[in-house]
Amino acid sequence: MNSHLEKRVMRKVTLRIIPFIMLLYFIAFLDRVNIGFAALTMNKDLGLSPAIFGIGAGIFFIGYFLFEVPSNLILHKVGARIWIARVMITWGLVSGCMAFVQGTTSFYVLRFLLGVAEAGFFPGIILYLSYWFPAARRAQVTALFMAAAPISTALGSPISAALLELHGYLGFAGWQWMFVLEAVPAVILGVVVLFYLTDRPEKARWLDEEERTWLKNTMEAEQLSRSVNKASHSAWRGLADRRVLALALVYFGTSAGLYTLGIWAPQIIHTFGVSALETGFLNAFPAVVGVIGMVLWARHSDRTSERTWHVIIACIIAAVGLICAGSVSTLLGVILALTLVNLGISASKPPLWSMPTLFLTGPAAAAGIAAINSIGNLGGFVGPTVIGVIRQQTGSYAWGLYFVAGLLMLSALVVLWLSTSQRKVQNTDLTHPETH
């Protein structure tokens, strides 16, 4: 009976929550990285050098870093429904304002403000999933949610490229139309969130009483279990936990890889002489492979209850792809290399994000997840910025891509270290329980 009830509840919760939050992340990611397609014409219109573009594209993550933790703590306090709606509406408005950039200063300011506006969305959703799904199911549902990022690239690339073709309509450049039209869904969906999202299982009127009670009791029992196992609870404990800092370093490398793809891949492909529209379709293929690989890899991670090697192997695959992307000299070779990068980056995320909620709960989970995301996302500043500077100095993307590959290898090593140190602590607990 319990097994049947569990399947019924999880099916209802999954169908209610996952498609909707995937849609939200699809729009969020599109507004975050459409700058990569805008650059195909915007940089020339505004006189932005590769270094200026790289810094401006990456400065988004400085605003994100500064406001991520407080934003997630507010979400934990006021509820996901109100706070996610606020995030979406403000980021939609700021993203639309990108159409009115006049030069370097306004470009930097608006990218920074976009990071401030969006701070809290991604870690807020990760925290939100921990309210609704038991740990054993979390990698797979996280994968479904995060699949929206490569899907956004796959579908958004040709859409963004097509919107560039509106150049000159009503006197506006194509990149201006792209920013405005792709910002509108964020504002609309922000309003929808207020009426659709449910903060906690006990408020879910779309579950019957038996289903609601089972889910509430199950999640409370899991939280209590983490309490007994000395999981961190307070916000300060979550921020100070060395495992949080280690995972933030891991995420730093994967973020550098992700935003290297999102921001620079269209321009790398475009250097082979293809049109903007052709670039859009070519950039979509690696992302499609990334989606499939992410879901299958996360399912395997859940089925085997193994996280460490699922993250390590994925990081290595992405690093190899970046090295190949910097070394090959044909369009086909670059597309295949970028496919490897997409596959590795996408597959690493769900098992990685299943780790923090295994040892954090309550305010510590809100603060810890936000800290991992905010510190880790600084990789989204460092990766694109370094590539822009190196591109301007050398005329090549190669050494910038090698640099990001090195960050991903470092991520793999940190995961291995973290796993080894955790096993040592667990063995000590078993051998000397009286010391704890």
Protein backbone atom coordinates (compact mmCIF):
# COMPACT_ATOMS: atom_id res chain seq x y z
CA MET A 1 0.00 0.00 0.00
CA ASN A 2 2.77 2.44 0.96
CA SER A 3 4.66 1.65 -2.24
CA HIS A 4 1.54 2.35 -4.30
CA LEU A 5 0.88 5.54 -2.35
CA GLU A 6 4.48 6.70 -2.80
CA LYS A 7 4.36 6.16 -6.56
CA ARG A 8 1.05 8.01 -6.79
CA VAL A 9 2.26 10.97 -4.76
CA MET A 10 5.61 11.24 -6.54
CA ARG A 11 3.90 11.08 -9.92
CA LYS A 12 1.52 13.89 -8.97
CA VAL A 13 4.26 16.04 -7.44
CA THR A 14 6.57 15.49 -10.41
CA LEU A 15 3.91 16.38 -12.99
CA ARG A 16 2.81 19.42 -11.01
CA ILE A 17 6.24 20.90 -10.23
CA ILE A 18 8.92 19.73 -12.68
CA PRO A 19 7.53 20.89 -16.07
CA PHE A 20 6.75 24.31 -14.62
CA ILE A 21 10.13 24.92 -13.00
CA MET A 22 11.80 23.63 -16.17
CA LEU A 23 9.95 26.33 -18.09
CA LEU A 24 11.10 28.95 -15.58
CA TYR A 25 14.74 27.85 -15.87
CA PHE A 26 14.49 27.67 -19.65
CA ILE A 27 13.60 31.37 -19.73
CA ALA A 28 16.14 32.25 -17.01
CA PHE A 29 19.02 30.58 -18.82
CA LEU A 30 17.98 32.05 -22.15
CA ASP A 31 18.05 35.58 -20.71
CA ARG A 32 21.37 34.86 -19.04
CA VAL A 33 23.32 33.65 -22.09
CA ASN A 34 21.54 35.24 -25.07
CA ILE A 35 24.31 37.81 -24.83
CA GLY A 36 26.42 35.25 -26.74
CA PHE A 37 24.20 35.64 -29.81
CA ALA A 38 23.72 39.38 -29.36
CA ALA A 39 27.51 39.69 -29.58
CA LEU A 40 27.47 38.52 -33.22
CA THR A 41 26.23 42.01 -34.19
CA MET A 42 26.08 44.05 -30.96
CA ASN A 43 29.84 44.12 -30.37
CA LYS A 44 30.45 45.79 -33.72
CA ASP A 45 27.54 48.23 -33.27
CA LEU A 46 28.78 49.35 -29.85
CA GLY A 47 32.53 48.98 -30.45
CA LEU A 48 33.02 46.33 -27.75
CA SER A 49 36.38 44.51 -27.84
CA PRO A 50 36.62 40.78 -26.94
CA ALA A 51 38.07 41.70 -23.53
CA ILE A 52 35.30 44.23 -22.77
CA PHE A 53 32.65 41.75 -23.91
CA GLY A 54 34.15 38.94 -21.80
CA ILE A 55 34.21 41.12 -18.68
CA GLY A 56 30.69 42.43 -19.27
CA ALA A 57 29.30 38.97 -19.94
CA GLY A 58 30.94 37.65 -16.78
CA ILE A 59 30.18 40.60 -14.47
CA PHE A 60 26.66 39.21 -14.21
CA PHE A 61 28.09 36.73 -11.70
CA ILE A 62 29.52 39.41 -9.42
CA GLY A 63 26.01 40.72 -8.74
CA TYR A 64 24.84 37.13 -8.47
CA PHE A 65 27.57 36.35 -5.92
CA LEU A 66 26.87 39.35 -3.69
CA PHE A 67 23.11 38.79 -3.39
CA GLU A 68 22.74 35.01 -3.65
CA VAL A 69 22.89 34.00 0.03
CA PRO A 70 20.59 36.75 1.38
CA SER A 71 18.16 36.05 -1.46
CA ASN A 72 17.95 32.34 -0.62
CA LEU A 73 17.53 33.02 3.10
CA ILE A 74 14.63 35.34 2.28
CA LEU A 75 13.09 32.60 0.11
CA HIS A 76 13.35 30.13 3.01
CA LYS A 77 11.58 32.67 5.23
CA VAL A 78 8.82 34.07 2.96
CA GLY A 79 8.29 31.05 0.70
CA ALA A 80 9.18 30.16 -2.87
CA ARG A 81 5.94 31.43 -4.41
CA ILE A 82 6.44 35.11 -3.54
CA TRP A 83 10.21 35.21 -3.88
CA ILE A 84 10.56 33.33 -7.17
CA ALA A 85 7.86 35.61 -8.62
CA ARG A 86 9.87 38.66 -7.50
CA VAL A 87 13.05 37.25 -9.01
CA MET A 88 11.46 36.54 -12.38
CA ILE A 89 9.68 39.85 -12.78
CA THR A 90 12.76 41.94 -11.91
CA TRP A 91 15.15 39.92 -14.05
CA GLY A 92 12.72 40.13 -16.99
CA LEU A 93 12.60 43.92 -16.71
CA VAL A 94 16.39 44.26 -16.46
CA SER A 95 16.98 41.82 -19.31
CA GLY A 96 14.66 43.86 -21.53
CA CYS A 97 16.61 47.01 -20.68
CA MET A 98 19.70 45.39 -22.24
CA ALA A 99 18.21 46.52 -25.56
CA PHE A 100 19.10 50.10 -24.65
CA VAL A 101 22.80 49.58 -23.92
CA GLN A 102 24.81 52.48 -25.35
CA GLY A 103 28.41 51.48 -24.63
CA THR A 104 30.81 49.86 -22.20
CA THR A 105 29.54 51.48 -18.97
CA SER A 106 25.83 50.77 -19.52
CA PHE A 107 26.73 47.25 -20.68
CA TYR A 108 28.61 46.57 -17.44
CA VAL A 109 25.94 48.16 -15.23
CA LEU A 110 23.01 46.27 -16.73
CA ARG A 111 24.81 42.91 -16.72
CA PHE A 112 25.65 43.46 -13.03
CA LEU A 113 22.01 44.39 -12.24
CA LEU A 114 20.78 41.31 -14.12
CA GLY A 115 22.90 39.19 -11.76
CA VAL A 116 21.45 41.02 -8.74
CA ALA A 117 17.90 40.51 -10.02
CA GLU A 118 18.34 36.80 -10.73
CA ALA A 119 20.25 35.98 -7.54
CA GLY A 120 18.42 33.31 -5.59
CA PHE A 121 16.51 31.68 -8.44
CA PHE A 122 18.62 28.58 -9.10
CA PRO A 123 19.59 27.73 -5.48
CA GLY A 124 16.03 28.61 -4.48
CA ILE A 125 14.68 25.94 -6.80
CA ILE A 126 17.28 23.41 -5.57
CA LEU A 127 16.15 24.15 -2.01
CA TYR A 128 12.51 23.99 -3.08
CA LEU A 129 13.01 20.50 -4.55
CA SER A 130 14.36 19.34 -1.19
CA TYR A 131 10.97 20.22 0.35
CA TRP A 132 9.10 17.92 -2.07
CA PHE A 133 11.35 15.02 -3.10
CA PRO A 134 13.15 12.47 -0.89
CA ALA A 135 16.95 12.34 -1.25
CA ALA A 136 16.84 9.05 -3.19
CA ARG A 137 14.89 10.74 -6.00
CA ARG A 138 16.61 14.10 -5.96
CA ALA A 139 19.34 13.63 -8.58
CA GLN A 140 16.83 12.56 -11.18
CA VAL A 141 14.36 15.40 -10.56
CA THR A 142 17.28 17.83 -10.37
CA ALA A 143 18.41 16.50 -13.75
CA LEU A 144 14.98 17.11 -15.23
CA PHE A 145 14.98 20.66 -13.88
CA MET A 146 18.54 21.33 -15.03
CA ALA A 147 17.87 19.82 -18.44
CA ALA A 148 16.14 23.14 -19.13
CA ALA A 149 19.59 24.77 -19.50
CA PRO A 150 20.82 22.68 -22.45
CA ILE A 151 17.25 22.62 -23.83
CA SER A 152 17.32 26.42 -23.62
CA THR A 153 20.52 26.38 -25.66
CA ALA A 154 19.12 23.84 -28.13
CA LEU A 155 15.86 25.72 -28.76
CA GLY A 156 17.01 29.21 -27.84
CA SER A 157 20.02 29.27 -30.18
CA PRO A 158 18.00 29.18 -33.42
CA ILE A 159 15.35 31.48 -31.88
CA SER A 160 17.96 34.05 -30.84
CA ALA A 161 19.65 33.80 -34.23
CA ALA A 162 16.30 34.25 -36.02
CA LEU A 163 15.48 37.35 -33.94
CA LEU A 164 18.75 38.92 -35.10
CA GLU A 165 17.19 38.86 -38.57
CA LEU A 166 14.74 41.57 -37.41
CA HIS A 167 17.60 44.04 -37.82
CA GLY A 168 16.28 47.42 -38.97
CA TYR A 169 12.61 46.71 -38.20
CA LEU A 170 11.05 49.90 -36.77
CA GLY A 171 14.55 51.35 -36.60
CA PHE A 172 15.92 48.89 -34.03
CA ALA A 173 18.86 46.50 -34.35
CA GLY A 174 18.24 42.75 -34.36
CA TRP A 175 20.01 42.31 -31.01
CA GLN A 176 17.71 44.92 -29.46
CA TRP A 177 14.63 43.02 -30.63
CA MET A 178 16.14 39.81 -29.27
CA PHE A 179 16.63 41.24 -25.76
CA VAL A 180 13.11 42.73 -25.57
CA LEU A 181 11.18 39.78 -26.99
CA GLU A 182 13.07 37.19 -24.93
CA ALA A 183 12.50 39.20 -21.71
CA VAL A 184 8.71 39.31 -21.97
CA PRO A 185 8.10 35.64 -20.96
CA ALA A 186 10.03 36.12 -17.69
CA VAL A 187 7.71 38.93 -16.58
CA ILE A 188 4.56 37.02 -17.57
CA LEU A 189 5.70 33.81 -15.86
CA GLY A 190 6.62 35.78 -12.75
CA VAL A 191 2.95 36.69 -12.36
CA VAL A 192 1.89 33.08 -13.07
CA VAL A 193 4.20 31.84 -10.27
CA LEU A 194 2.11 33.75 -7.70
CA PHE A 195 -0.96 31.69 -8.58
CA TYR A 196 0.61 28.33 -9.46
CA LEU A 197 3.51 27.53 -7.13
CA THR A 198 2.83 25.87 -3.74
CA ASP A 199 5.30 26.63 -0.96
CA ARG A 200 5.20 23.37 1.06
CA PRO A 201 3.58 19.90 0.91
CA GLU A 202 1.16 20.73 3.74
CA LYS A 203 -0.31 23.51 1.56
CA ALA A 204 -0.78 21.32 -1.52
CA ARG A 205 -4.55 21.32 -2.09
CA TRP A 206 -3.94 19.48 -5.36
CA LEU A 207 -3.04 16.38 -3.28
CA ASP A 208 -5.75 14.55 -1.35
CA GLU A 209 -5.47 14.36 2.44
CA GLU A 210 -3.83 10.90 2.51
CA GLU A 211 -1.25 11.92 -0.11
CA ARG A 212 -0.52 15.22 1.61
CA THR A 213 -0.05 13.55 4.99
CA TRP A 214 2.26 10.87 3.59
CA LEU A 215 4.48 13.41 1.81
CA LYS A 216 4.62 15.74 4.82
CA ASN A 217 5.52 12.90 7.19
CA THR A 218 8.09 11.44 4.79
CA MET A 219 9.93 14.73 4.33
CA GLU A 220 9.82 15.51 8.06
CA ALA A 221 11.21 12.05 8.88
CA GLU A 222 14.07 12.56 6.42
CA GLN A 223 14.84 15.95 7.93
CA LEU A 224 14.82 14.43 11.43
CA SER A 225 17.16 11.68 10.23
CA ARG A 226 19.64 14.28 9.00
CA SER A 227 19.33 15.97 12.39
CA VAL A 228 20.22 12.77 14.22
CA ASN A 229 23.19 12.29 11.90
CA LYS A 230 24.55 15.70 12.90
CA ALA A 231 23.62 17.50 9.71
CA SER A 232 24.22 21.22 9.90
CA HIS A 233 21.15 23.32 10.73
CA SER A 234 22.02 26.97 11.32
CA ALA A 235 22.76 29.36 8.46
CA TRP A 236 26.24 30.09 9.86
CA ARG A 237 27.04 26.37 10.18
CA GLY A 238 25.99 25.92 6.57
CA LEU A 239 28.25 28.73 5.38
CA ALA A 240 31.23 27.57 7.45
CA ASP A 241 31.00 23.86 6.59
CA ARG A 242 34.18 22.86 4.72
CA ARG A 243 32.13 20.53 2.54
CA VAL A 244 30.15 23.55 1.35
CA LEU A 245 33.36 25.37 0.45
CA ALA A 246 34.72 22.29 -1.33
CA LEU A 247 31.53 21.88 -3.37
CA ALA A 248 31.64 25.59 -4.20
CA LEU A 249 35.12 25.08 -5.66
CA VAL A 250 33.85 22.10 -7.67
CA TYR A 251 30.95 24.15 -8.95
CA PHE A 252 33.35 26.97 -9.84
CA GLY A 253 34.96 24.76 -12.49
CA THR A 254 31.68 23.45 -13.89
CA SER A 255 30.26 27.00 -14.05
CA ALA A 256 33.34 28.23 -15.92
CA GLY A 257 32.71 25.44 -18.43
CA LEU A 258 28.97 26.06 -18.70
CA TYR A 259 29.25 29.79 -19.36
CA THR A 260 32.21 29.40 -21.66
CA LEU A 261 29.78 27.37 -23.76
CA GLY A 262 26.81 29.70 -23.35
CA ILE A 263 28.68 32.94 -24.02
CA TRP A 264 31.53 32.03 -26.39
CA ALA A 265 30.39 28.92 -28.32
CA PRO A 266 28.30 30.92 -30.84
CA GLN A 267 31.29 33.16 -31.61
CA ILE A 268 33.68 30.18 -31.85
CA ILE A 269 31.35 28.52 -34.37
CA HIS A 270 30.81 31.82 -36.21
CA THR A 271 34.58 32.14 -36.89
CA PHE A 272 34.26 29.31 -39.41
CA GLY A 273 32.36 31.63 -41.75
CA VAL A 274 28.80 30.40 -41.17
CA SER A 275 25.85 32.80 -40.93
CA ALA A 276 24.17 33.79 -37.65
CA LEU A 277 21.19 31.53 -38.40
CA GLU A 278 23.45 28.59 -39.27
CA THR A 279 25.38 29.26 -36.06
CA GLY A 280 22.12 28.99 -34.12
CA PHE A 281 21.31 25.54 -35.49
CA LEU A 282 24.89 24.25 -35.16
CA ASN A 283 25.06 25.44 -31.55
CA ALA A 284 21.84 23.54 -30.80
CA PHE A 285 23.19 20.06 -31.62
CA PRO A 286 25.69 19.71 -28.75
CA ALA A 287 23.02 20.90 -26.32
CA VAL A 288 20.58 18.19 -27.45
CA VAL A 289 23.20 15.52 -26.73
CA GLY A 290 23.81 17.20 -23.36
CA VAL A 291 20.14 16.90 -22.38
CA ILE A 292 20.00 13.18 -23.16
CA GLY A 293 23.29 12.47 -21.40
CA MET A 294 22.27 14.47 -18.32
CA VAL A 295 19.01 12.58 -17.77
CA LEU A 296 20.53 9.12 -18.35
CA TRP A 297 23.58 9.89 -16.15
CA ALA A 298 21.41 11.21 -13.31
CA ARG A 299 19.15 8.17 -13.51
CA HIS A 300 22.18 5.92 -13.21
CA SER A 301 23.46 7.99 -10.28
CA ASP A 302 20.14 7.57 -8.44
CA ARG A 303 19.89 3.88 -9.25
CA THR A 304 23.39 3.18 -7.92
CA SER A 305 23.20 5.80 -5.11
CA GLU A 306 26.67 6.94 -6.21
CA ARG A 307 27.55 10.62 -6.65
CA THR A 308 31.34 11.04 -6.46
CA TRP A 309 32.47 9.24 -9.61
CA HIS A 310 29.46 10.47 -11.55
CA VAL A 311 30.75 14.01 -10.99
CA ILE A 312 34.44 13.19 -11.53
CA ILE A 313 33.98 11.33 -14.83
CA ALA A 314 31.67 14.03 -16.19
CA CYS A 315 34.18 16.80 -15.34
CA ILE A 316 36.97 14.90 -17.09
CA ILE A 317 34.85 14.41 -20.22
CA ALA A 318 34.11 18.17 -20.32
CA ALA A 319 37.82 19.01 -19.85
CA VAL A 320 38.81 16.71 -22.72
CA GLY A 321 36.16 18.36 -24.91
CA LEU A 322 37.54 21.84 -24.18
CA ILE A 323 41.09 20.74 -24.99
CA CYS A 324 39.85 19.29 -28.29
CA ALA A 325 37.86 22.47 -29.06
CA GLY A 326 41.05 24.50 -28.69
CA SER A 327 43.09 22.11 -30.83
CA VAL A 328 40.95 21.19 -33.85
CA SER A 329 40.85 23.30 -37.01
CA THR A 330 37.62 22.17 -38.72
CA LEU A 331 33.98 23.09 -38.10
CA LEU A 332 33.01 19.43 -37.67
CA GLY A 333 35.80 18.93 -35.15
CA VAL A 334 34.68 21.96 -33.13
CA ILE A 335 31.05 20.80 -33.08
CA LEU A 336 32.09 17.32 -31.89
CA ALA A 337 34.37 18.83 -29.24
CA LEU A 338 31.62 21.17 -28.01
CA THR A 339 29.31 18.14 -27.86
CA LEU A 340 31.75 16.48 -25.45
CA VAL A 341 31.85 19.64 -23.33
CA ASN A 342 28.04 19.86 -23.25
CA LEU A 343 27.78 16.21 -22.32
CA GLY A 344 30.27 16.47 -19.47
CA ILE A 345 29.06 19.78 -18.03
CA SER A 346 25.38 18.79 -18.15
CA ALA A 347 25.96 15.32 -16.65
CA SER A 348 28.04 16.65 -13.74
CA LYS A 349 25.36 18.96 -12.35
CA PRO A 350 22.56 16.70 -10.98
CA PRO A 351 24.77 14.35 -8.92
CA LEU A 352 26.73 17.37 -7.69
CA TRP A 353 23.56 19.14 -6.53
CA SER A 354 22.38 15.99 -4.76
CA MET A 355 25.33 16.24 -2.36
CA PRO A 356 24.69 19.32 -0.15
CA THR A 357 21.18 18.35 1.00
CA LEU A 358 22.61 15.06 2.30
CA PHE A 359 24.39 16.91 5.12
CA LEU A 360 22.52 20.24 5.37
CA THR A 361 18.99 20.96 6.53
CA GLY A 362 16.79 23.96 7.40
CA PRO A 363 18.42 27.43 7.26
CA ALA A 364 21.82 25.74 6.77
CA ALA A 365 20.54 24.19 3.54
CA ALA A 366 19.27 27.56 2.32
CA ALA A 367 22.56 29.29 3.15
CA GLY A 368 24.81 26.40 2.10
CA ILE A 369 23.18 25.80 -1.28
CA ALA A 370 23.20 29.54 -1.98
CA ALA A 371 26.87 29.76 -0.96
CA ILE A 372 27.82 26.88 -3.26
CA ASN A 373 25.94 28.46 -6.13
CA SER A 374 27.11 32.04 -5.56
CA ILE A 375 30.80 31.22 -4.99
CA GLY A 376 30.75 28.54 -7.67
CA ASN A 377 29.12 30.82 -10.20
CA LEU A 378 32.09 33.16 -9.98
CA GLY A 379 33.50 30.63 -12.42
CA GLY A 380 30.97 32.13 -14.82
CA PHE A 381 32.85 35.40 -14.44
CA VAL A 382 36.37 34.00 -14.56
CA GLY A 383 35.94 31.61 -17.52
CA PRO A 384 34.38 34.00 -20.07
CA THR A 385 36.55 36.92 -18.91
CA VAL A 386 39.83 35.01 -19.27
CA ILE A 387 38.79 33.74 -22.69
CA GLY A 388 37.94 37.29 -23.82
CA VAL A 389 41.27 38.69 -22.61
CA ILE A 390 43.30 35.83 -24.15
CA ARG A 391 41.35 36.08 -27.40
CA GLN A 392 42.16 39.80 -27.63
CA GLN A 393 45.85 39.23 -26.85
CA THR A 394 46.46 36.18 -29.05
CA GLY A 395 43.67 36.21 -31.62
CA SER A 396 42.85 32.61 -30.62
CA TYR A 397 40.42 30.91 -28.25
CA ALA A 398 42.75 27.96 -27.62
CA TRP A 399 44.61 28.94 -24.43
CA GLY A 400 41.44 30.28 -22.85
CA LEU A 401 39.73 26.93 -23.49
CA TYR A 402 42.74 25.09 -22.04
CA PHE A 403 42.51 27.27 -18.92
CA VAL A 404 38.85 26.34 -18.37
CA ALA A 405 39.72 22.66 -18.96
CA GLY A 406 42.26 22.96 -16.13
CA LEU A 407 39.54 24.33 -13.81
CA LEU A 408 37.38 21.30 -14.59
CA MET A 409 40.23 18.91 -13.82
CA LEU A 410 40.66 20.74 -10.50
CA SER A 411 36.93 20.21 -9.83
CA ALA A 412 37.37 16.48 -10.38
CA LEU A 413 40.30 16.36 -7.95
CA VAL A 414 38.39 18.27 -5.25
CA VAL A 415 35.44 15.84 -5.48
CA LEU A 416 37.86 12.95 -5.08
CA TRP A 417 39.49 14.63 -2.05
CA LEU A 418 36.09 15.38 -0.50
CA SER A 419 34.94 11.79 -0.93
CA THR A 420 38.16 10.43 0.59
CA SER A 421 38.04 12.77 3.59
CA GLN A 422 34.35 11.94 4.19
CA ARG A 423 35.12 8.21 4.28
CA LYS A 424 37.89 8.83 6.82
CA VAL A 425 35.50 10.77 9.07
CA GLN A 426 32.85 8.05 8.82
CA ASN A 427 35.41 5.36 9.67
CA THR A 428 36.52 7.41 12.69
CA ASP A 429 32.90 7.75 13.84
CA LEU A 430 32.41 3.99 13.63
CA THR A 431 35.70 3.20 15.42
CA HIS A 432 35.46 5.88 18.15
CA PRO A 433 31.77 6.75 18.64
CA GLU A 434 32.40 7.98 22.18
CA THR A 435 34.37 10.96 20.85
CA HIS A 436 31.28 12.48 19.16
